[in-house]
N, C-alpha and C. Protein backbone atom coordinates (compact mmCIF):
# COMPACT_ATOMS: atom_id res chain seq x y z
N MET A 1 35.67 57.84 7.19
CA MET A 1 36.63 58.86 6.79
C MET A 1 36.08 59.43 5.40
N SER A 2 35.91 60.78 5.47
CA SER A 2 35.40 61.46 4.29
C SER A 2 36.49 61.70 3.22
N CYS A 3 36.12 61.67 1.97
CA CYS A 3 37.07 61.89 0.96
C CYS A 3 37.12 63.33 0.55
N ILE A 4 36.27 64.19 0.91
CA ILE A 4 36.14 65.55 0.58
C ILE A 4 37.49 66.29 0.96
N PRO A 5 38.12 66.18 2.12
CA PRO A 5 39.40 66.81 2.28
C PRO A 5 40.46 66.40 1.33
N PHE A 6 40.43 65.20 1.01
CA PHE A 6 41.45 64.62 -0.01
C PHE A 6 41.13 65.22 -1.39
N LEU A 7 39.90 65.29 -1.72
CA LEU A 7 39.58 65.93 -3.06
C LEU A 7 39.98 67.36 -3.15
N ALA A 8 39.64 68.07 -2.05
CA ALA A 8 39.98 69.52 -2.02
C ALA A 8 41.43 69.71 -2.09
N ARG A 9 42.30 68.91 -1.65
CA ARG A 9 43.65 69.18 -1.86
C ARG A 9 44.26 68.77 -3.13
N GLY A 10 43.40 68.04 -3.99
CA GLY A 10 43.85 67.64 -5.34
C GLY A 10 44.23 66.22 -5.37
N ALA A 11 44.16 65.50 -4.21
CA ALA A 11 44.64 63.99 -4.17
C ALA A 11 43.46 63.14 -4.59
N SER A 12 43.71 61.96 -4.97
CA SER A 12 42.62 60.98 -5.24
C SER A 12 42.24 60.44 -3.83
N CYS A 13 41.00 60.00 -3.73
CA CYS A 13 40.62 59.51 -2.43
C CYS A 13 41.10 58.18 -2.26
N PRO A 14 41.68 57.96 -1.13
CA PRO A 14 42.44 56.58 -0.74
C PRO A 14 41.42 55.53 -0.58
N GLU A 15 40.25 55.83 -0.14
CA GLU A 15 39.23 54.67 0.01
C GLU A 15 38.69 54.23 -1.41
N ARG A 16 38.54 55.25 -2.25
CA ARG A 16 37.94 54.94 -3.65
C ARG A 16 38.73 55.59 -4.80
N PRO A 17 39.86 54.83 -5.18
CA PRO A 17 40.72 55.41 -6.15
C PRO A 17 40.10 55.65 -7.52
N CYS A 18 38.95 55.15 -7.84
CA CYS A 18 38.34 55.34 -9.14
C CYS A 18 37.68 56.65 -9.32
N TYR A 19 37.56 57.49 -8.25
CA TYR A 19 36.79 58.88 -8.34
C TYR A 19 37.70 59.79 -8.96
N PRO A 20 37.08 60.75 -9.58
CA PRO A 20 37.86 61.78 -10.24
C PRO A 20 38.78 62.53 -9.39
N LYS A 21 39.94 62.95 -9.87
CA LYS A 21 40.94 63.65 -9.07
C LYS A 21 40.48 65.18 -9.22
N ALA A 22 40.28 65.86 -8.10
CA ALA A 22 39.92 67.20 -8.09
C ALA A 22 41.15 68.07 -8.32
N PRO A 23 41.05 69.21 -8.94
CA PRO A 23 42.21 70.08 -9.17
C PRO A 23 42.53 70.63 -7.84
N PRO A 24 43.83 71.07 -7.73
CA PRO A 24 44.24 71.80 -6.44
C PRO A 24 43.55 73.08 -6.29
N PRO A 25 43.19 73.60 -5.10
CA PRO A 25 42.61 74.88 -4.96
C PRO A 25 43.41 75.86 -5.44
N SER A 26 42.86 76.87 -6.20
CA SER A 26 43.61 77.92 -6.90
C SER A 26 43.42 79.30 -6.03
N GLY A 27 42.75 79.33 -4.97
CA GLY A 27 42.71 80.54 -4.13
C GLY A 27 41.10 81.04 -4.00
N THR A 28 40.51 81.07 -5.17
CA THR A 28 39.21 81.56 -5.09
C THR A 28 38.25 80.52 -5.78
N GLY A 29 36.89 80.64 -5.39
CA GLY A 29 36.03 79.81 -6.05
C GLY A 29 35.77 80.15 -7.51
N LYS A 30 35.95 81.44 -7.82
CA LYS A 30 35.90 81.87 -9.23
C LYS A 30 36.92 81.22 -10.09
N ASN A 31 38.23 81.15 -9.72
CA ASN A 31 39.24 80.43 -10.32
C ASN A 31 39.06 78.93 -10.52
N PHE A 32 38.47 78.46 -9.31
CA PHE A 32 38.19 76.97 -9.35
C PHE A 32 37.12 76.76 -10.48
N ARG A 33 36.07 77.43 -10.48
CA ARG A 33 34.94 77.31 -11.55
C ARG A 33 35.56 77.49 -12.89
N LYS A 34 36.39 78.42 -13.03
CA LYS A 34 36.92 78.77 -14.34
C LYS A 34 37.76 77.56 -14.93
N GLY A 35 38.55 77.06 -13.97
CA GLY A 35 39.43 76.02 -14.30
C GLY A 35 38.82 74.61 -14.53
N THR A 36 37.67 74.38 -13.92
CA THR A 36 37.07 72.98 -13.93
C THR A 36 35.68 73.04 -14.57
N GLY A 37 35.11 74.16 -14.71
CA GLY A 37 33.78 74.29 -15.41
C GLY A 37 32.72 73.83 -14.22
N GLN A 38 33.09 73.69 -13.07
CA GLN A 38 32.16 73.28 -11.95
C GLN A 38 32.05 74.35 -10.95
N ASN A 39 30.97 74.33 -10.22
CA ASN A 39 30.65 75.13 -9.04
C ASN A 39 31.54 74.75 -7.87
N PHE A 40 31.95 75.70 -7.13
CA PHE A 40 32.83 75.48 -5.92
C PHE A 40 32.33 74.40 -5.06
N ARG A 41 31.07 74.29 -4.97
CA ARG A 41 30.49 73.34 -4.01
C ARG A 41 30.05 71.98 -4.52
N ASN A 42 30.58 71.65 -5.80
CA ASN A 42 30.22 70.36 -6.42
C ASN A 42 31.09 69.23 -6.08
N PRO A 43 32.25 69.16 -5.49
CA PRO A 43 33.03 68.03 -5.21
C PRO A 43 32.14 66.88 -4.62
N HIS A 44 31.15 67.11 -3.78
CA HIS A 44 30.41 66.09 -3.16
C HIS A 44 29.52 65.51 -4.24
N LEU A 45 29.14 66.22 -5.21
CA LEU A 45 28.21 65.76 -6.30
C LEU A 45 29.09 64.80 -7.25
N TRP A 46 30.33 65.08 -7.39
CA TRP A 46 31.10 64.24 -8.13
C TRP A 46 31.17 62.76 -7.47
N VAL A 47 31.38 62.85 -6.20
CA VAL A 47 31.44 61.59 -5.37
C VAL A 47 30.07 60.82 -5.60
N ARG A 48 28.98 61.54 -5.29
CA ARG A 48 27.70 60.87 -5.53
C ARG A 48 27.55 60.26 -6.98
N GLN A 49 27.95 61.08 -7.87
CA GLN A 49 27.72 60.50 -9.32
C GLN A 49 28.62 59.37 -9.56
N ALA A 50 29.80 59.41 -9.07
CA ALA A 50 30.75 58.23 -9.14
C ALA A 50 30.14 56.99 -8.45
N GLU A 51 29.52 57.15 -7.35
CA GLU A 51 28.92 56.17 -6.67
C GLU A 51 27.68 55.52 -7.46
N LYS A 52 27.05 56.45 -8.11
CA LYS A 52 25.86 55.92 -9.05
C LYS A 52 26.45 55.13 -10.25
N ASP A 53 27.59 55.69 -10.78
CA ASP A 53 28.20 55.03 -11.97
C ASP A 53 28.70 53.57 -11.65
N HIS A 54 29.06 53.42 -10.34
CA HIS A 54 29.66 52.19 -9.89
C HIS A 54 28.67 51.26 -9.22
N GLY A 55 27.32 51.63 -9.24
CA GLY A 55 26.25 50.85 -8.64
C GLY A 55 26.23 50.86 -7.19
N GLN A 56 26.93 51.76 -6.43
CA GLN A 56 26.79 51.94 -5.07
C GLN A 56 25.76 52.70 -4.55
N ARG A 57 24.98 53.48 -5.41
CA ARG A 57 24.01 54.45 -5.06
C ARG A 57 22.87 54.33 -6.06
N ALA A 58 21.68 54.36 -5.65
CA ALA A 58 20.52 54.39 -6.62
C ALA A 58 20.60 55.70 -7.48
N GLY A 59 20.15 55.64 -8.69
CA GLY A 59 20.02 56.75 -9.57
C GLY A 59 20.66 56.51 -11.03
N LEU A 60 20.41 57.53 -11.82
CA LEU A 60 20.87 57.31 -13.17
C LEU A 60 22.46 57.52 -13.26
N THR A 61 22.93 56.53 -14.09
CA THR A 61 24.42 56.64 -14.29
C THR A 61 24.64 57.84 -15.29
N THR A 62 25.85 58.18 -15.48
CA THR A 62 26.30 59.25 -16.48
C THR A 62 25.80 59.04 -17.84
N SER A 63 26.10 57.76 -18.37
CA SER A 63 25.79 57.40 -19.59
C SER A 63 24.10 57.27 -19.70
N GLU A 64 23.50 56.82 -18.73
CA GLU A 64 22.03 56.88 -18.71
C GLU A 64 21.43 58.34 -18.89
N ARG A 65 22.07 59.21 -18.13
CA ARG A 65 21.72 60.63 -18.06
C ARG A 65 21.92 61.24 -19.41
N GLU A 66 22.91 60.94 -20.12
CA GLU A 66 23.35 61.48 -21.45
C GLU A 66 22.28 60.91 -22.45
N ARG A 67 21.94 59.62 -22.32
CA ARG A 67 21.00 58.96 -23.26
C ARG A 67 19.63 59.71 -23.07
N LEU A 68 19.27 59.87 -21.84
CA LEU A 68 17.96 60.50 -21.53
C LEU A 68 17.82 61.87 -22.11
N LYS A 69 18.85 62.71 -22.00
CA LYS A 69 18.99 64.04 -22.45
C LYS A 69 18.86 64.00 -23.97
N ASP A 70 19.52 62.98 -24.65
CA ASP A 70 19.47 62.93 -26.18
C ASP A 70 18.02 62.52 -26.56
N LEU A 71 17.44 61.67 -25.79
CA LEU A 71 16.01 61.20 -26.23
C LEU A 71 15.01 62.36 -26.01
N GLU A 72 15.26 63.14 -24.96
CA GLU A 72 14.33 64.29 -24.80
C GLU A 72 14.51 65.35 -25.85
N ARG A 73 15.79 65.53 -26.34
CA ARG A 73 15.91 66.47 -27.37
C ARG A 73 15.40 66.07 -28.67
N GLU A 74 15.58 64.74 -28.88
CA GLU A 74 14.94 64.12 -30.16
C GLU A 74 13.44 64.25 -30.00
N ASN A 75 12.81 63.97 -28.94
CA ASN A 75 11.42 64.08 -28.67
C ASN A 75 10.91 65.46 -29.02
N ARG A 76 11.68 66.46 -28.52
CA ARG A 76 11.17 68.00 -28.74
C ARG A 76 11.27 68.19 -30.27
N GLU A 77 12.21 67.75 -31.04
CA GLU A 77 12.38 67.95 -32.43
C GLU A 77 11.26 67.33 -33.14
N LEU A 78 10.88 66.11 -32.75
CA LEU A 78 9.87 65.39 -33.45
C LEU A 78 8.50 66.05 -33.27
N LYS A 79 8.31 66.65 -31.97
CA LYS A 79 7.04 67.25 -31.73
C LYS A 79 6.92 68.52 -32.56
N ARG A 80 8.12 69.17 -32.74
CA ARG A 80 8.13 70.40 -33.48
C ARG A 80 7.87 70.07 -35.03
N ALA A 81 8.43 69.05 -35.43
CA ALA A 81 8.23 68.61 -36.91
C ALA A 81 6.69 68.21 -37.14
N ASN A 82 6.20 67.51 -36.19
CA ASN A 82 4.79 67.17 -36.22
C ASN A 82 3.94 68.35 -36.19
N GLU A 83 4.13 69.30 -35.50
CA GLU A 83 3.39 70.55 -35.44
C GLU A 83 3.42 71.27 -36.76
N ILE A 84 4.56 71.36 -37.36
CA ILE A 84 4.76 71.99 -38.77
C ILE A 84 3.92 71.14 -39.78
N LEU A 85 4.01 69.78 -39.71
CA LEU A 85 3.23 68.99 -40.68
C LEU A 85 1.79 69.15 -40.50
N ARG A 86 1.42 69.20 -39.27
CA ARG A 86 -0.12 69.38 -39.06
C ARG A 86 -0.60 70.78 -39.53
N LYS A 87 0.27 71.80 -39.38
CA LYS A 87 -0.16 73.19 -39.96
C LYS A 87 -0.16 73.13 -41.44
N ALA A 88 0.82 72.40 -41.96
CA ALA A 88 0.83 72.41 -43.44
C ALA A 88 -0.25 71.59 -44.05
N SER A 89 -0.55 70.56 -43.42
CA SER A 89 -1.77 69.79 -43.75
C SER A 89 -3.07 70.54 -43.68
N ALA A 90 -3.27 71.19 -42.64
CA ALA A 90 -4.49 72.07 -42.48
C ALA A 90 -4.52 73.14 -43.68
N TYR A 91 -3.39 73.76 -43.94
CA TYR A 91 -3.23 74.81 -44.94
C TYR A 91 -3.62 74.27 -46.37
N PHE A 92 -3.14 73.09 -46.64
CA PHE A 92 -3.37 72.61 -48.06
C PHE A 92 -4.78 72.02 -47.96
N ALA A 93 -5.33 71.48 -46.96
CA ALA A 93 -6.76 71.03 -46.98
C ALA A 93 -7.71 72.28 -47.15
N GLN A 94 -7.40 73.27 -46.59
CA GLN A 94 -8.26 74.44 -46.71
C GLN A 94 -8.03 75.08 -48.15
N ALA A 95 -6.87 75.06 -48.65
CA ALA A 95 -6.73 75.40 -50.07
C ALA A 95 -7.47 74.60 -51.02
N GLU A 96 -7.56 73.34 -50.74
CA GLU A 96 -8.42 72.41 -51.61
C GLU A 96 -9.86 72.69 -51.46
N VAL A 97 -10.26 73.06 -50.41
CA VAL A 97 -11.77 73.46 -50.19
C VAL A 97 -12.07 74.75 -50.93
N ASP A 98 -11.10 75.66 -50.80
CA ASP A 98 -11.35 76.96 -51.48
C ASP A 98 -11.22 77.06 -52.97
N ARG A 99 -10.62 75.99 -53.51
CA ARG A 99 -10.43 75.98 -54.94
C ARG A 99 -11.66 75.60 -55.61
N ARG A 100 -11.93 76.40 -56.78
CA ARG A 100 -13.16 76.28 -57.55
C ARG A 100 -12.99 74.95 -58.42
N PRO A 101 -14.08 74.15 -58.55
CA PRO A 101 -14.05 73.03 -59.40
C PRO A 101 -14.03 73.53 -60.90
N LYS A 102 -13.40 72.98 -61.82
CA LYS A 102 -13.37 73.31 -63.14
C LYS A 102 -14.48 72.56 -63.97
């Protein structure tokens, strides 16, 4: 039995009550996206992600995905800071070479 028809009607899935409750259809995909922030075709993705979160499917859980995103952001910031420091170091090294001894 598929849970998608239940989710589309706004009911929780009878087989898996821990899954998110989808909002009732509002007429158009645009209104659905506007109300939920999700694409009209994403309810099956919600089910897949819930299965990953509960260990029923292989893949990253929501918390692992958020942690990975945070680590990637931090990595980009550190690379940017290292590049700035590298350029500053080269600038001051060149200034030291160009300076006349007294």
